[in-house]
Amino acid sequence: MPRDLKSFANENKDKVNTGDTKNIEDLINKYKDMNQNELISNLFSEASKLRAQGKLDSASLNNMKNTLYPFLNPQQKEMLDGLVNAINEQK
């Protein structure tokens, strides 16, 4: 059964320090007004930068995907699969 993000956050709230919370808030503010196309474009740009720095590989993407899967509905899973596959094919 899929878990929801609110439950996950409540279960892990003691594991997040205030610095992490500030960083998360900054990221939310950075991306909150972007539409889906802008978000995807930014995702590919960041993925490309991280790959060039040796900080992103297929295994880490698949681990991230597997971590997110329980929180997603079938449509979201399909979109995530497509994004991960496209990033993995990106040169």
C-alpha atoms as a PDB file:
ATOM      1  CA  MET A   1       0.000   0.000   0.000  1.00  0.00           C
ATOM      2  CA  PRO A   2       1.417   3.417  -0.914  1.00  0.00           C
ATOM      3  CA  ARG A   3       2.530   5.627   1.926  1.00  0.00           C
ATOM      4  CA  ASP A   4       1.846   9.318   1.864  1.00  0.00           C
ATOM      5  CA  LEU A   5       4.528  11.997   2.214  1.00  0.00           C
ATOM      6  CA  LYS A   6       2.860  13.588   5.238  1.00  0.00           C
ATOM      7  CA  SER A   7       3.119  10.331   7.200  1.00  0.00           C
ATOM      8  CA  PHE A   8       6.716   9.889   6.091  1.00  0.00           C
ATOM      9  CA  ALA A   9       7.541  13.441   7.208  1.00  0.00           C
ATOM     10  CA  ASN A  10       5.903  12.922  10.581  1.00  0.00           C
ATOM     11  CA  GLU A  11       7.750   9.651  11.122  1.00  0.00           C
ATOM     12  CA  ASN A  12      11.094  11.271  10.255  1.00  0.00           C
ATOM     13  CA  LYS A  13      10.711  14.785  11.668  1.00  0.00           C
ATOM     14  CA  ASP A  14      13.231  14.120  14.444  1.00  0.00           C
ATOM     15  CA  LYS A  15      15.855  13.124  11.870  1.00  0.00           C
ATOM     16  CA  VAL A  16      15.839  16.507  10.103  1.00  0.00           C
ATOM     17  CA  ASN A  17      17.944  19.290  11.564  1.00  0.00           C
ATOM     18  CA  THR A  18      17.108  22.966  11.101  1.00  0.00           C
ATOM     19  CA  GLY A  19      19.797  23.434   8.445  1.00  0.00           C
ATOM     20  CA  ASP A  20      18.189  20.712   6.338  1.00  0.00           C
ATOM     21  CA  THR A  21      14.783  22.320   6.839  1.00  0.00           C
ATOM     22  CA  LYS A  22      16.099  25.678   5.649  1.00  0.00           C
ATOM     23  CA  ASN A  23      17.614  24.046   2.560  1.00  0.00           C
ATOM     24  CA  ILE A  24      14.337  22.295   1.788  1.00  0.00           C
ATOM     25  CA  GLU A  25      12.408  25.556   2.140  1.00  0.00           C
ATOM     26  CA  ASP A  26      14.887  27.273  -0.187  1.00  0.00           C
ATOM     27  CA  LEU A  27      14.417  24.529  -2.789  1.00  0.00           C
ATOM     28  CA  ILE A  28      10.636  24.721  -2.519  1.00  0.00           C
ATOM     29  CA  ASN A  29      10.751  28.473  -3.034  1.00  0.00           C
ATOM     30  CA  LYS A  30      13.098  28.071  -6.009  1.00  0.00           C
ATOM     31  CA  TYR A  31      10.815  25.664  -7.847  1.00  0.00           C
ATOM     32  CA  LYS A  32       7.293  26.470  -6.618  1.00  0.00           C
ATOM     33  CA  ASP A  33       6.356  28.824  -9.455  1.00  0.00           C
ATOM     34  CA  MET A  34       7.742  26.702 -12.297  1.00  0.00           C
ATOM     35  CA  ASN A  35       5.411  24.834 -14.629  1.00  0.00           C
ATOM     36  CA  GLN A  36       5.958  21.171 -15.489  1.00  0.00           C
ATOM     37  CA  ASN A  37       8.018  21.913 -18.609  1.00  0.00           C
ATOM     38  CA  GLU A  38      10.299  24.271 -16.690  1.00  0.00           C
ATOM     39  CA  LEU A  39      10.742  21.715 -13.907  1.00  0.00           C
ATOM     40  CA  ILE A  40      11.620  18.946 -16.354  1.00  0.00           C
ATOM     41  CA  SER A  41      14.033  21.194 -18.233  1.00  0.00           C
ATOM     42  CA  ASN A  42      15.697  22.120 -14.948  1.00  0.00           C
ATOM     43  CA  LEU A  43      15.840  18.454 -13.921  1.00  0.00           C
ATOM     44  CA  PHE A  44      17.694  17.495 -17.116  1.00  0.00           C
ATOM     45  CA  SER A  45      20.063  20.430 -16.759  1.00  0.00           C
ATOM     46  CA  GLU A  46      20.900  19.534 -13.154  1.00  0.00           C
ATOM     47  CA  ALA A  47      21.248  15.838 -14.033  1.00  0.00           C
ATOM     48  CA  SER A  48      23.687  16.737 -16.801  1.00  0.00           C
ATOM     49  CA  LYS A  49      25.774  18.871 -14.422  1.00  0.00           C
ATOM     50  CA  LEU A  50      25.837  16.150 -11.759  1.00  0.00           C
ATOM     51  CA  ARG A  51      26.834  13.489 -14.312  1.00  0.00           C
ATOM     52  CA  ALA A  52      29.697  15.697 -15.532  1.00  0.00           C
ATOM     53  CA  GLN A  53      30.867  16.039 -11.915  1.00  0.00           C
ATOM     54  CA  GLY A  54      30.653  12.267 -11.403  1.00  0.00           C
ATOM     55  CA  LYS A  55      27.918  12.684  -8.786  1.00  0.00           C
ATOM     56  CA  LEU A  56      25.093  10.953 -10.652  1.00  0.00           C
ATOM     57  CA  ASP A  57      24.885   7.488 -12.160  1.00  0.00           C
ATOM     58  CA  SER A  58      22.202   5.024 -13.197  1.00  0.00           C
ATOM     59  CA  ALA A  59      22.391   3.111  -9.921  1.00  0.00           C
ATOM     60  CA  SER A  60      21.743   6.209  -7.806  1.00  0.00           C
ATOM     61  CA  LEU A  61      18.850   7.224 -10.073  1.00  0.00           C
ATOM     62  CA  ASN A  62      17.311   3.778  -9.750  1.00  0.00           C
ATOM     63  CA  ASN A  63      17.733   3.869  -5.976  1.00  0.00           C
ATOM     64  CA  MET A  64      15.976   7.230  -5.866  1.00  0.00           C
ATOM     65  CA  LYS A  65      13.191   5.891  -8.065  1.00  0.00           C
ATOM     66  CA  ASN A  66      12.710   2.855  -5.823  1.00  0.00           C
ATOM     67  CA  THR A  67      12.569   5.116  -2.759  1.00  0.00           C
ATOM     68  CA  LEU A  68       9.858   7.306  -4.302  1.00  0.00           C
ATOM     69  CA  TYR A  69       7.737   4.515  -5.796  1.00  0.00           C
ATOM     70  CA  PRO A  70       5.686   3.723  -2.659  1.00  0.00           C
ATOM     71  CA  PHE A  71       4.483   7.348  -2.529  1.00  0.00           C
ATOM     72  CA  LEU A  72       3.296   7.529  -6.151  1.00  0.00           C
ATOM     73  CA  ASN A  73       0.117   6.616  -7.991  1.00  0.00           C
ATOM     74  CA  PRO A  74       0.343   4.644 -11.266  1.00  0.00           C
ATOM     75  CA  GLN A  75       0.399   7.783 -13.435  1.00  0.00           C
ATOM     76  CA  GLN A  76       3.191   9.318 -11.355  1.00  0.00           C
ATOM     77  CA  LYS A  77       5.157   6.063 -11.490  1.00  0.00           C
ATOM     78  CA  GLU A  78       4.879   6.053 -15.269  1.00  0.00           C
ATOM     79  CA  MET A  79       6.138   9.636 -15.460  1.00  0.00           C
ATOM     80  CA  LEU A  80       9.015   8.901 -13.071  1.00  0.00           C
ATOM     81  CA  ASP A  81       9.994   5.843 -15.111  1.00  0.00           C
ATOM     82  CA  GLY A  82      10.063   7.981 -18.248  1.00  0.00           C
ATOM     83  CA  LEU A  83      12.153  10.694 -16.606  1.00  0.00           C
ATOM     84  CA  VAL A  84      14.654   8.253 -15.117  1.00  0.00           C
ATOM     85  CA  ASN A  85      14.970   6.408 -18.429  1.00  0.00           C
ATOM     86  CA  ALA A  86      15.494   9.682 -20.317  1.00  0.00           C
ATOM     87  CA  ILE A  87      18.119  10.856 -17.830  1.00  0.00           C
ATOM     88  CA  ASN A  88      19.890   7.504 -18.051  1.00  0.00           C
ATOM     89  CA  GLU A  89      19.964   7.851 -21.863  1.00  0.00           C
ATOM     90  CA  GLN A  90      21.171  11.452 -21.683  1.00  0.00           C
ATOM     91  CA  LYS A  91      24.769  11.926 -22.787  1.00  0.00           C
END
